[in-house]
């Protein structure tokens, strides 16, 4: 199967992109959604997080408050590393299962974290100016400006991420402009997926 990896920093537009492709019946394996599902009550990620961090990250209905978990992780490097060491192998297994079950002509893996280990036929990197990322995080998560900036700064540096790209999209204007760029790549990936079968 022809595979496309999509990555980008927080609040750059990965979800907008995957929603766009999903609406065109492309199967999406989304690391963020997998992570959320693994942190639901009864799941192995949930049990480990509650055992380690206690009720501090739980809401009244005993679900994990992801913004609190993220704040704890980004304010303590040991907690961040522990959380990554817990979640990454669990997510990796679900990703493999997702590709095995994919039914579309080509499929997408979407993740905020990236390394040389990630091997796909094409890699799309989505970026946005730092000031826009911070504005979007504040608006979306009700975070302080200081925390939003810290989250952006602790992610993989944009220049390193761009180095993985076959295809690079800057999401710094309207949604319509962004979707026009995505439509170009949808047609390109369809053609490349067809060509890979010949």
N, C-alpha and C. Protein backbone atom coordinates (compact mmCIF):
# COMPACT_ATOMS: atom_id res chain seq x y z
N UNK A 1 0.83 -1.20 0.00
CA UNK A 1 0.00 0.00 0.00
C UNK A 1 0.87 1.26 0.00
N UNK A 2 0.45 2.26 -0.78
CA UNK A 2 1.14 3.55 -0.81
C UNK A 2 0.80 4.28 0.49
N UNK A 3 1.84 4.76 1.20
CA UNK A 3 1.62 5.38 2.50
C UNK A 3 2.16 6.81 2.52
N UNK A 4 1.43 7.68 3.20
CA UNK A 4 1.81 9.08 3.37
C UNK A 4 1.91 9.37 4.85
N UNK A 5 3.03 9.91 5.27
CA UNK A 5 3.17 10.38 6.65
C UNK A 5 2.93 11.87 6.71
N UNK A 6 2.11 12.30 7.66
CA UNK A 6 1.87 13.74 7.85
C UNK A 6 2.33 14.13 9.25
N UNK A 7 3.16 15.15 9.31
CA UNK A 7 3.59 15.65 10.61
C UNK A 7 3.64 17.17 10.59
N UNK A 8 3.81 17.74 11.76
CA UNK A 8 3.86 19.19 11.89
C UNK A 8 3.78 19.52 13.37
N UNK A 9 4.19 20.71 13.72
CA UNK A 9 4.13 21.13 15.10
C UNK A 9 2.69 21.30 15.58
N UNK A 10 2.54 21.51 16.86
CA UNK A 10 1.22 21.72 17.45
C UNK A 10 0.56 22.95 16.82
N UNK A 11 -0.73 22.84 16.54
CA UNK A 11 -1.53 23.96 16.03
C UNK A 11 -1.05 24.48 14.67
N UNK A 12 -0.52 23.57 13.84
CA UNK A 12 -0.13 23.96 12.48
C UNK A 12 -1.20 23.58 11.45
N UNK A 13 -2.06 22.61 11.79
CA UNK A 13 -3.13 22.24 10.85
C UNK A 13 -3.17 20.77 10.47
N UNK A 14 -2.52 19.91 11.26
CA UNK A 14 -2.54 18.47 10.95
C UNK A 14 -3.96 17.92 10.95
N UNK A 15 -4.75 18.30 11.94
CA UNK A 15 -6.13 17.79 12.02
C UNK A 15 -6.98 18.30 10.85
N UNK A 16 -6.79 19.55 10.47
CA UNK A 16 -7.49 20.09 9.29
C UNK A 16 -7.14 19.26 8.06
N UNK A 17 -5.87 18.92 7.93
CA UNK A 17 -5.42 18.15 6.77
C UNK A 17 -6.01 16.74 6.79
N UNK A 18 -5.92 16.06 7.92
CA UNK A 18 -6.43 14.69 7.96
C UNK A 18 -7.95 14.65 7.80
N UNK A 19 -8.65 15.66 8.34
CA UNK A 19 -10.11 15.74 8.14
C UNK A 19 -10.43 15.92 6.65
N UNK A 20 -9.63 16.72 5.97
CA UNK A 20 -9.82 16.97 4.54
C UNK A 20 -9.67 15.65 3.76
N UNK A 21 -8.60 14.91 4.04
CA UNK A 21 -8.37 13.65 3.32
C UNK A 21 -9.40 12.58 3.73
N UNK A 22 -9.78 12.56 5.00
CA UNK A 22 -10.78 11.57 5.46
C UNK A 22 -12.12 11.79 4.75
N UNK A 23 -12.45 13.07 4.49
CA UNK A 23 -13.70 13.38 3.79
C UNK A 23 -13.67 12.87 2.35
N UNK A 24 -12.47 12.58 1.85
CA UNK A 24 -12.32 12.01 0.50
C UNK A 24 -12.07 10.50 0.58
N UNK A 25 -12.46 9.90 1.71
CA UNK A 25 -12.42 8.44 1.92
C UNK A 25 -11.01 7.86 1.97
N UNK A 26 -10.06 8.63 2.45
CA UNK A 26 -8.71 8.12 2.69
C UNK A 26 -8.63 7.69 4.16
N UNK A 27 -8.13 6.48 4.40
CA UNK A 27 -8.00 5.99 5.77
C UNK A 27 -6.88 6.74 6.49
N UNK A 28 -7.17 7.16 7.73
CA UNK A 28 -6.23 7.93 8.53
C UNK A 28 -5.86 7.12 9.78
N UNK A 29 -4.58 6.95 10.00
CA UNK A 29 -4.10 6.39 11.27
C UNK A 29 -3.49 7.56 12.02
N UNK A 30 -4.18 8.02 13.06
CA UNK A 30 -3.84 9.27 13.74
C UNK A 30 -3.26 8.97 15.13
N UNK A 31 -1.99 9.28 15.32
CA UNK A 31 -1.32 8.99 16.60
C UNK A 31 -1.98 9.70 17.77
N UNK A 32 -2.45 10.94 17.56
CA UNK A 32 -3.11 11.68 18.65
C UNK A 32 -4.41 11.00 19.06
N UNK A 33 -5.20 10.55 18.09
CA UNK A 33 -6.47 9.88 18.41
C UNK A 33 -6.22 8.54 19.08
N UNK A 34 -5.20 7.82 18.61
CA UNK A 34 -4.84 6.55 19.23
C UNK A 34 -4.42 6.79 20.68
N UNK A 35 -3.61 7.84 20.89
CA UNK A 35 -3.16 8.18 22.24
C UNK A 35 -4.34 8.48 23.16
N UNK A 36 -5.31 9.26 22.65
CA UNK A 36 -6.50 9.58 23.45
C UNK A 36 -7.27 8.31 23.81
N UNK A 37 -7.42 7.40 22.84
CA UNK A 37 -8.19 6.18 23.10
C UNK A 37 -7.48 5.30 24.14
N UNK A 38 -6.15 5.31 24.13
CA UNK A 38 -5.38 4.52 25.09
C UNK A 38 -5.42 5.12 26.49
N UNK A 39 -5.87 6.38 26.59
CA UNK A 39 -5.96 7.05 27.89
C UNK A 39 -7.39 7.12 28.41
N UNK A 40 -8.29 6.34 27.79
CA UNK A 40 -9.66 6.27 28.29
C UNK A 40 -9.74 5.27 29.44
N UNK A 41 -10.69 5.45 30.37
CA UNK A 41 -10.81 4.53 31.51
C UNK A 41 -10.86 3.07 31.06
N UNK A 42 -10.10 2.24 31.77
CA UNK A 42 -10.05 0.82 31.45
C UNK A 42 -8.92 0.44 30.53
N UNK A 43 -8.33 1.44 29.83
CA UNK A 43 -7.24 1.16 28.91
C UNK A 43 -5.90 1.17 29.65
N UNK A 44 -4.91 0.49 29.08
CA UNK A 44 -3.63 0.31 29.76
C UNK A 44 -2.93 1.65 30.01
N UNK A 45 -3.02 2.57 29.08
CA UNK A 45 -2.40 3.88 29.28
C UNK A 45 -3.04 4.63 30.44
N UNK A 46 -4.35 4.58 30.51
CA UNK A 46 -5.10 5.23 31.60
C UNK A 46 -4.64 4.70 32.95
N UNK A 47 -4.62 3.38 33.08
CA UNK A 47 -4.28 2.76 34.36
C UNK A 47 -2.87 3.17 34.80
N UNK A 48 -1.91 3.17 33.87
CA UNK A 48 -0.53 3.51 34.22
C UNK A 48 -0.41 4.98 34.62
N UNK A 49 -1.12 5.87 33.90
CA UNK A 49 -1.05 7.30 34.18
C UNK A 49 -1.65 7.61 35.55
N UNK A 50 -2.79 7.03 35.85
CA UNK A 50 -3.44 7.29 37.14
C UNK A 50 -2.60 6.73 38.29
N UNK A 51 -1.99 5.56 38.07
CA UNK A 51 -1.12 4.96 39.10
C UNK A 51 0.08 5.86 39.38
N UNK A 52 0.63 6.46 38.32
CA UNK A 52 1.83 7.30 38.46
C UNK A 52 1.50 8.69 38.98
N UNK A 53 0.45 9.32 38.43
CA UNK A 53 0.19 10.74 38.70
C UNK A 53 -1.00 11.00 39.63
N UNK A 54 -1.80 9.96 39.88
CA UNK A 54 -2.91 10.10 40.81
C UNK A 54 -4.08 10.91 40.27
N UNK A 55 -4.92 11.39 41.20
CA UNK A 55 -6.15 12.08 40.83
C UNK A 55 -5.92 13.49 40.28
N UNK A 56 -4.68 13.96 40.33
CA UNK A 56 -4.39 15.34 39.89
C UNK A 56 -4.75 15.56 38.43
N UNK A 57 -4.77 14.48 37.63
CA UNK A 57 -5.05 14.63 36.20
C UNK A 57 -6.47 14.20 35.84
N UNK A 58 -7.29 13.90 36.85
CA UNK A 58 -8.63 13.37 36.58
C UNK A 58 -9.72 14.42 36.80
N UNK A 59 -10.76 14.33 35.98
CA UNK A 59 -11.95 15.16 36.15
C UNK A 59 -12.88 14.48 37.16
N UNK A 60 -14.01 15.11 37.42
CA UNK A 60 -14.96 14.54 38.37
C UNK A 60 -15.49 13.19 37.92
N UNK A 61 -15.60 12.99 36.59
CA UNK A 61 -16.11 11.70 36.10
C UNK A 61 -14.98 10.69 35.87
N UNK A 62 -13.80 11.00 36.43
CA UNK A 62 -12.65 10.08 36.42
C UNK A 62 -12.01 9.89 35.05
N UNK A 63 -12.28 10.80 34.11
CA UNK A 63 -11.56 10.76 32.84
C UNK A 63 -10.33 11.66 32.96
N UNK A 64 -9.33 11.37 32.14
CA UNK A 64 -8.10 12.16 32.17
C UNK A 64 -8.34 13.51 31.50
N UNK A 65 -7.95 14.58 32.19
CA UNK A 65 -8.01 15.92 31.61
C UNK A 65 -6.71 16.12 30.84
N UNK A 66 -6.78 16.04 29.53
CA UNK A 66 -5.56 16.03 28.71
C UNK A 66 -4.75 17.32 28.83
N UNK A 67 -5.43 18.45 29.04
CA UNK A 67 -4.70 19.70 29.20
C UNK A 67 -3.86 19.68 30.48
N UNK A 68 -4.40 19.08 31.55
CA UNK A 68 -3.65 18.97 32.81
C UNK A 68 -2.47 18.03 32.65
N UNK A 69 -2.71 16.91 31.95
CA UNK A 69 -1.64 15.95 31.71
C UNK A 69 -0.52 16.61 30.90
N UNK A 70 -0.89 17.36 29.86
CA UNK A 70 0.10 18.05 29.03
C UNK A 70 0.87 19.09 29.85
N UNK A 71 0.16 19.83 30.70
CA UNK A 71 0.83 20.84 31.53
C UNK A 71 1.85 20.20 32.46
N UNK A 72 1.48 19.06 33.07
CA UNK A 72 2.41 18.34 33.94
C UNK A 72 3.63 17.87 33.17
N UNK A 73 3.39 17.32 31.98
CA UNK A 73 4.49 16.79 31.17
C UNK A 73 5.44 17.89 30.73
N UNK A 74 4.90 19.02 30.28
CA UNK A 74 5.75 20.07 29.75
C UNK A 74 6.39 20.94 30.84
N UNK A 75 5.98 20.73 32.08
CA UNK A 75 6.63 21.47 33.17
C UNK A 75 7.62 20.59 33.93
N UNK A 76 7.74 19.31 33.53
CA UNK A 76 8.66 18.40 34.21
C UNK A 76 9.22 17.40 33.19
N UNK A 77 10.51 17.52 32.89
CA UNK A 77 11.11 16.68 31.85
C UNK A 77 11.05 15.19 32.17
N UNK A 78 11.18 14.84 33.46
CA UNK A 78 11.11 13.42 33.84
C UNK A 78 9.72 12.86 33.56
N UNK A 79 8.69 13.63 33.90
CA UNK A 79 7.31 13.19 33.65
C UNK A 79 7.07 13.07 32.14
N UNK A 80 7.60 14.02 31.38
CA UNK A 80 7.44 14.01 29.92
C UNK A 80 8.07 12.74 29.34
N UNK A 81 9.30 12.43 29.78
CA UNK A 81 9.98 11.25 29.26
C UNK A 81 9.26 9.97 29.67
N UNK A 82 8.77 9.93 30.92
CA UNK A 82 8.04 8.75 31.39
C UNK A 82 6.79 8.52 30.53
N UNK A 83 6.07 9.60 30.27
CA UNK A 83 4.84 9.52 29.48
C UNK A 83 5.14 9.05 28.06
N UNK A 84 6.19 9.60 27.45
CA UNK A 84 6.56 9.18 26.09
C UNK A 84 6.98 7.71 26.05
N UNK A 85 7.75 7.28 27.05
CA UNK A 85 8.20 5.88 27.11
C UNK A 85 7.01 4.93 27.29
N UNK A 86 5.99 5.39 27.99
CA UNK A 86 4.78 4.58 28.17
C UNK A 86 3.97 4.50 26.88
N UNK A 87 3.71 5.67 26.28
CA UNK A 87 2.73 5.74 25.20
C UNK A 87 3.27 5.31 23.84
N UNK A 88 4.51 5.60 23.52
CA UNK A 88 5.02 5.36 22.16
C UNK A 88 4.93 3.89 21.72
N UNK A 89 5.35 2.92 22.55
CA UNK A 89 5.21 1.52 22.11
C UNK A 89 3.75 1.11 21.93
N UNK A 90 2.87 1.60 22.81
CA UNK A 90 1.44 1.27 22.71
C UNK A 90 0.85 1.84 21.42
N UNK A 91 1.21 3.09 21.13
CA UNK A 91 0.73 3.73 19.89
C UNK A 91 1.27 3.00 18.67
N UNK A 92 2.56 2.63 18.72
CA UNK A 92 3.19 1.95 17.59
C UNK A 92 2.47 0.68 17.19
N UNK A 93 2.04 -0.09 18.17
CA UNK A 93 1.32 -1.33 17.88
C UNK A 93 -0.02 -1.05 17.21
N UNK A 94 -0.73 -0.04 17.69
CA UNK A 94 -2.03 0.32 17.11
C UNK A 94 -1.86 0.86 15.68
N UNK A 95 -0.75 1.54 15.43
CA UNK A 95 -0.49 2.08 14.09
C UNK A 95 -0.33 0.93 13.09
N UNK A 96 0.45 -0.08 13.46
CA UNK A 96 0.63 -1.24 12.59
C UNK A 96 -0.71 -1.90 12.29
N UNK A 97 -1.54 -2.05 13.31
CA UNK A 97 -2.87 -2.64 13.13
C UNK A 97 -3.72 -1.78 12.19
N UNK A 98 -3.59 -0.45 12.32
CA UNK A 98 -4.36 0.47 11.48
C UNK A 98 -4.03 0.32 10.01
N UNK A 99 -2.74 0.20 9.68
CA UNK A 99 -2.34 0.03 8.28
C UNK A 99 -2.81 -1.33 7.74
N UNK A 100 -2.77 -2.35 8.58
CA UNK A 100 -3.23 -3.68 8.14
C UNK A 100 -4.71 -3.67 7.79
N UNK A 101 -5.48 -2.82 8.49
CA UNK A 101 -6.93 -2.79 8.30
C UNK A 101 -7.37 -1.75 7.26
N UNK A 102 -6.44 -0.93 6.77
CA UNK A 102 -6.81 0.15 5.83
C UNK A 102 -7.38 -0.41 4.54
N UNK A 103 -8.44 0.25 4.03
CA UNK A 103 -9.13 -0.22 2.83
C UNK A 103 -8.97 0.73 1.63
N UNK A 104 -8.53 1.97 1.88
CA UNK A 104 -8.43 2.94 0.80
C UNK A 104 -7.21 2.68 -0.09
N UNK A 105 -7.18 3.36 -1.24
CA UNK A 105 -6.10 3.17 -2.22
C UNK A 105 -4.73 3.50 -1.62
N UNK A 106 -4.70 4.51 -0.77
CA UNK A 106 -3.50 4.88 -0.01
C UNK A 106 -3.96 5.32 1.37
N UNK A 107 -3.04 5.35 2.31
CA UNK A 107 -3.41 5.67 3.69
C UNK A 107 -2.42 6.64 4.30
N UNK A 108 -2.87 7.32 5.34
CA UNK A 108 -2.08 8.36 6.00
C UNK A 108 -1.79 7.98 7.44
N UNK A 109 -0.55 8.23 7.85
CA UNK A 109 -0.19 8.19 9.27
C UNK A 109 0.09 9.62 9.70
N UNK A 110 -0.61 10.10 10.71
CA UNK A 110 -0.45 11.46 11.19
C UNK A 110 0.08 11.45 12.62
N UNK A 111 1.17 12.20 12.86
CA UNK A 111 1.76 12.24 14.20
C UNK A 111 2.53 13.53 14.41
N UNK A 112 2.55 14.03 15.66
CA UNK A 112 3.32 15.24 15.94
C UNK A 112 4.81 14.96 16.10
N UNK A 113 5.16 13.73 16.52
CA UNK A 113 6.56 13.37 16.75
C UNK A 113 7.09 12.60 15.56
N UNK A 114 8.35 12.80 15.27
CA UNK A 114 8.91 12.21 14.05
C UNK A 114 10.35 11.81 14.27
N UNK A 115 10.80 10.79 13.56
CA UNK A 115 12.22 10.41 13.62
C UNK A 115 12.60 9.73 12.32
N UNK A 116 13.88 9.40 12.19
CA UNK A 116 14.35 8.72 10.99
C UNK A 116 13.73 7.34 10.84
N UNK A 117 13.16 6.81 11.92
CA UNK A 117 12.56 5.46 11.87
C UNK A 117 11.26 5.45 11.06
N UNK A 118 10.62 6.62 10.93
CA UNK A 118 9.37 6.70 10.21
C UNK A 118 9.63 6.62 8.70
N UNK A 119 9.18 5.53 8.08
CA UNK A 119 9.43 5.31 6.65
C UNK A 119 8.10 5.26 5.89
N UNK A 120 7.90 6.21 4.98
CA UNK A 120 6.69 6.25 4.18
C UNK A 120 7.06 6.57 2.74
N UNK A 121 6.12 6.35 1.83
CA UNK A 121 6.38 6.67 0.42
C UNK A 121 6.53 8.18 0.22
N UNK A 122 5.72 8.95 0.94
CA UNK A 122 5.84 10.42 0.91
C UNK A 122 5.66 10.93 2.33
N UNK A 123 6.32 12.04 2.62
CA UNK A 123 6.15 12.69 3.93
C UNK A 123 5.75 14.14 3.69
N UNK A 124 4.58 14.50 4.23
CA UNK A 124 4.09 15.86 4.17
C UNK A 124 4.34 16.53 5.52
N UNK A 125 5.02 17.66 5.49
CA UNK A 125 5.25 18.44 6.70
C UNK A 125 4.43 19.72 6.61
N UNK A 126 3.63 19.96 7.66
CA UNK A 126 2.79 21.17 7.73
C UNK A 126 3.39 22.10 8.78
N UNK A 127 3.49 23.36 8.45
CA UNK A 127 4.08 24.32 9.39
C UNK A 127 3.23 25.58 9.44
N UNK A 128 3.49 26.39 10.46
CA UNK A 128 2.85 27.70 10.60
C UNK A 128 3.81 28.57 11.38
N UNK A 129 3.74 29.89 11.21
CA UNK A 129 4.61 30.77 11.99
C UNK A 129 4.37 30.56 13.50
N UNK A 130 5.44 30.66 14.26
CA UNK A 130 5.36 30.42 15.71
C UNK A 130 4.29 31.29 16.37
N UNK A 131 4.21 32.55 15.98
CA UNK A 131 3.24 33.45 16.60
C UNK A 131 1.80 32.96 16.37
N UNK A 132 1.54 32.38 15.19
CA UNK A 132 0.22 31.83 14.89
C UNK A 132 -0.04 30.57 15.71
N UNK A 133 0.98 29.71 15.85
CA UNK A 133 0.83 28.51 16.67
C UNK A 133 0.42 28.89 18.09
N UNK A 134 1.12 29.88 18.65
CA UNK A 134 0.84 30.29 20.03
C UNK A 134 -0.58 30.85 20.15
N UNK A 135 -0.98 31.68 19.19
CA UNK A 135 -2.35 32.22 19.20
C UNK A 135 -3.38 31.10 19.16
N UNK A 136 -3.16 30.10 18.30
CA UNK A 136 -4.12 28.99 18.16
C UNK A 136 -4.19 28.14 19.42
N UNK A 137 -3.04 27.90 20.07
CA UNK A 137 -3.02 27.10 21.31
C UNK A 137 -3.79 27.83 22.41
N UNK A 138 -3.54 29.13 22.55
CA UNK A 138 -4.24 29.92 23.58
C UNK A 138 -5.74 29.86 23.36
N UNK A 139 -6.15 30.03 22.10
CA UNK A 139 -7.58 30.03 21.78
C UNK A 139 -8.20 28.65 21.97
N UNK A 140 -7.50 27.60 21.51
CA UNK A 140 -8.05 26.25 21.53
C UNK A 140 -8.06 25.64 22.93
N UNK A 141 -6.94 25.80 23.66
CA UNK A 141 -6.76 25.10 24.94
C UNK A 141 -6.92 25.99 26.15
N UNK A 142 -7.19 27.28 25.92
CA UNK A 142 -7.28 28.25 27.03
C UNK A 142 -5.98 28.27 27.84
N UNK A 143 -4.85 28.06 27.16
CA UNK A 143 -3.55 28.06 27.82
C UNK A 143 -3.05 29.50 28.00
N UNK A 144 -2.11 29.65 28.92
CA UNK A 144 -1.44 30.95 29.03
C UNK A 144 -0.47 31.10 27.87
N UNK A 145 -0.10 32.33 27.57
CA UNK A 145 0.86 32.57 26.48
C UNK A 145 2.19 31.92 26.81
N UNK A 146 2.58 31.96 28.09
CA UNK A 146 3.87 31.39 28.50
C UNK A 146 3.90 29.88 28.28
N UNK A 147 2.81 29.20 28.66
CA UNK A 147 2.76 27.75 28.48
C UNK A 147 2.70 27.40 26.99
N UNK A 148 1.91 28.14 26.22
CA UNK A 148 1.81 27.88 24.78
C UNK A 148 3.18 28.00 24.12
N UNK A 149 3.94 29.04 24.50
CA UNK A 149 5.27 29.21 23.92
C UNK A 149 6.21 28.07 24.34
N UNK A 150 6.09 27.64 25.59
CA UNK A 150 6.94 26.55 26.09
C UNK A 150 6.65 25.26 25.34
N UNK A 151 5.37 24.98 25.08
CA UNK A 151 5.00 23.77 24.34
C UNK A 151 5.59 23.80 22.94
N UNK A 152 5.45 24.94 22.26
CA UNK A 152 6.00 25.07 20.91
C UNK A 152 7.52 24.88 20.93
N UNK A 153 8.18 25.51 21.90
CA UNK A 153 9.64 25.49 21.95
C UNK A 153 10.19 24.09 22.29
N UNK A 154 9.41 23.28 23.00
CA UNK A 154 9.91 21.95 23.39
C UNK A 154 9.68 20.89 22.32
N UNK A 155 8.97 21.25 21.26
CA UNK A 155 8.75 20.27 20.20
C UNK A 155 9.98 20.20 19.30
N UNK A 156 9.99 19.15 18.45
CA UNK A 156 11.06 19.00 17.47
C UNK A 156 11.22 20.31 16.69
N UNK A 157 12.45 20.78 16.55
CA UNK A 157 12.66 22.07 15.89
C UNK A 157 12.14 22.03 14.45
N UNK A 158 11.48 23.11 14.04
CA UNK A 158 10.82 23.14 12.72
C UNK A 158 11.80 22.84 11.59
N UNK A 159 13.06 23.31 11.70
CA UNK A 159 14.00 23.07 10.61
C UNK A 159 14.35 21.58 10.48
N UNK A 160 14.40 20.91 11.62
CA UNK A 160 14.68 19.47 11.60
C UNK A 160 13.48 18.72 11.01
N UNK A 161 12.27 19.15 11.40
CA UNK A 161 11.06 18.51 10.88
C UNK A 161 10.95 18.70 9.37
N UNK A 162 11.23 19.90 8.90
CA UNK A 162 11.15 20.19 7.47
C UNK A 162 12.13 19.33 6.69
N UNK A 163 13.22 18.95 7.33
CA UNK A 163 14.21 18.10 6.68
C UNK A 163 13.67 16.73 6.28
N UNK A 164 12.58 16.30 6.89
CA UNK A 164 11.97 15.00 6.54
C UNK A 164 11.05 15.11 5.32
N UNK A 165 10.73 16.33 4.90
CA UNK A 165 9.62 16.55 3.96
C UNK A 165 9.94 16.20 2.51
N UNK A 166 9.01 15.48 1.88
CA UNK A 166 8.92 15.46 0.42
C UNK A 166 8.03 16.62 -0.03
N UNK A 167 7.02 16.89 0.81
CA UNK A 167 6.01 17.90 0.49
C UNK A 167 5.85 18.82 1.71
N UNK A 168 5.93 20.13 1.48
CA UNK A 168 5.89 21.09 2.58
C UNK A 168 4.74 22.07 2.37
N UNK A 169 3.90 22.23 3.40
CA UNK A 169 2.78 23.17 3.32
C UNK A 169 2.88 24.17 4.46
N UNK A 170 2.80 25.44 4.12
CA UNK A 170 2.75 26.50 5.13
C UNK A 170 1.29 26.90 5.32
N UNK A 171 0.80 26.74 6.54
CA UNK A 171 -0.60 27.06 6.85
C UNK A 171 -0.63 28.40 7.59
N UNK A 172 -0.56 29.47 6.82
CA UNK A 172 -0.47 30.79 7.44
C UNK A 172 -1.50 31.79 6.90
N UNK A 173 -2.50 31.26 6.17
CA UNK A 173 -3.54 32.18 5.69
C UNK A 173 -4.92 31.56 5.92
N UNK A 174 -5.79 31.61 4.93
CA UNK A 174 -7.17 31.15 5.13
C UNK A 174 -7.28 29.63 5.02
N UNK A 175 -8.36 29.10 5.57
CA UNK A 175 -8.64 27.66 5.45
C UNK A 175 -8.83 27.29 3.98
N UNK A 176 -9.47 28.19 3.21
CA UNK A 176 -9.70 27.92 1.78
C UNK A 176 -8.37 27.77 1.03
N UNK A 177 -7.43 28.61 1.35
CA UNK A 177 -6.10 28.53 0.72
C UNK A 177 -5.40 27.23 1.10
N UNK A 178 -5.49 26.86 2.37
CA UNK A 178 -4.88 25.63 2.86
C UNK A 178 -5.51 24.41 2.17
N UNK A 179 -6.84 24.41 2.06
CA UNK A 179 -7.52 23.28 1.43
C UNK A 179 -7.21 23.18 -0.06
N UNK A 180 -6.97 24.31 -0.71
CA UNK A 180 -6.57 24.29 -2.11
C UNK A 180 -5.23 23.59 -2.28
N UNK A 181 -4.30 23.84 -1.36
CA UNK A 181 -3.00 23.15 -1.39
C UNK A 181 -3.19 21.65 -1.14
N UNK A 182 -4.06 21.33 -0.18
CA UNK A 182 -4.31 19.92 0.15
C UNK A 182 -4.91 19.19 -1.04
N UNK A 183 -5.78 19.86 -1.79
CA UNK A 183 -6.42 19.23 -2.94
C UNK A 183 -5.38 18.88 -4.01
N UNK A 184 -4.40 19.74 -4.18
CA UNK A 184 -3.31 19.45 -5.12
C UNK A 184 -2.61 18.15 -4.71
N UNK A 185 -2.32 18.01 -3.41
CA UNK A 185 -1.60 16.82 -2.95
C UNK A 185 -2.49 15.57 -2.96
N UNK A 186 -3.79 15.76 -2.76
CA UNK A 186 -4.70 14.61 -2.87
C UNK A 186 -4.61 14.02 -4.27
N UNK A 187 -4.66 14.86 -5.28
CA UNK A 187 -4.56 14.38 -6.66
C UNK A 187 -3.19 13.77 -6.96
N UNK A 188 -2.15 14.39 -6.42
CA UNK A 188 -0.80 13.87 -6.61
C UNK A 188 -0.67 12.48 -5.99
N UNK A 189 -1.14 12.32 -4.75
CA UNK A 189 -0.98 11.03 -4.06
C UNK A 189 -1.82 9.95 -4.73
N UNK A 190 -2.99 10.32 -5.25
CA UNK A 190 -3.79 9.35 -6.02
C UNK A 190 -3.00 8.84 -7.22
N UNK A 191 -2.35 9.76 -7.93
CA UNK A 191 -1.57 9.38 -9.11
C UNK A 191 -0.38 8.51 -8.71
N UNK A 192 0.32 8.91 -7.66
CA UNK A 192 1.49 8.14 -7.21
C UNK A 192 1.09 6.75 -6.72
N UNK A 193 -0.07 6.67 -6.06
CA UNK A 193 -0.55 5.36 -5.59
C UNK A 193 -0.87 4.46 -6.78
N UNK A 194 -1.48 5.04 -7.82
CA UNK A 194 -1.77 4.26 -9.05
C UNK A 194 -0.45 3.82 -9.70
N UNK A 195 0.50 4.76 -9.80
CA UNK A 195 1.78 4.45 -10.45
C UNK A 195 2.54 3.36 -9.70
N UNK A 196 2.41 3.34 -8.38
CA UNK A 196 3.17 2.36 -7.58
C UNK A 196 2.68 0.93 -7.82
N UNK A 197 1.46 0.80 -8.35
CA UNK A 197 0.91 -0.54 -8.62
C UNK A 197 1.35 -1.07 -9.98
N UNK A 198 1.85 -0.19 -10.82
CA UNK A 198 2.24 -0.59 -12.19
C UNK A 198 3.69 -1.07 -12.27
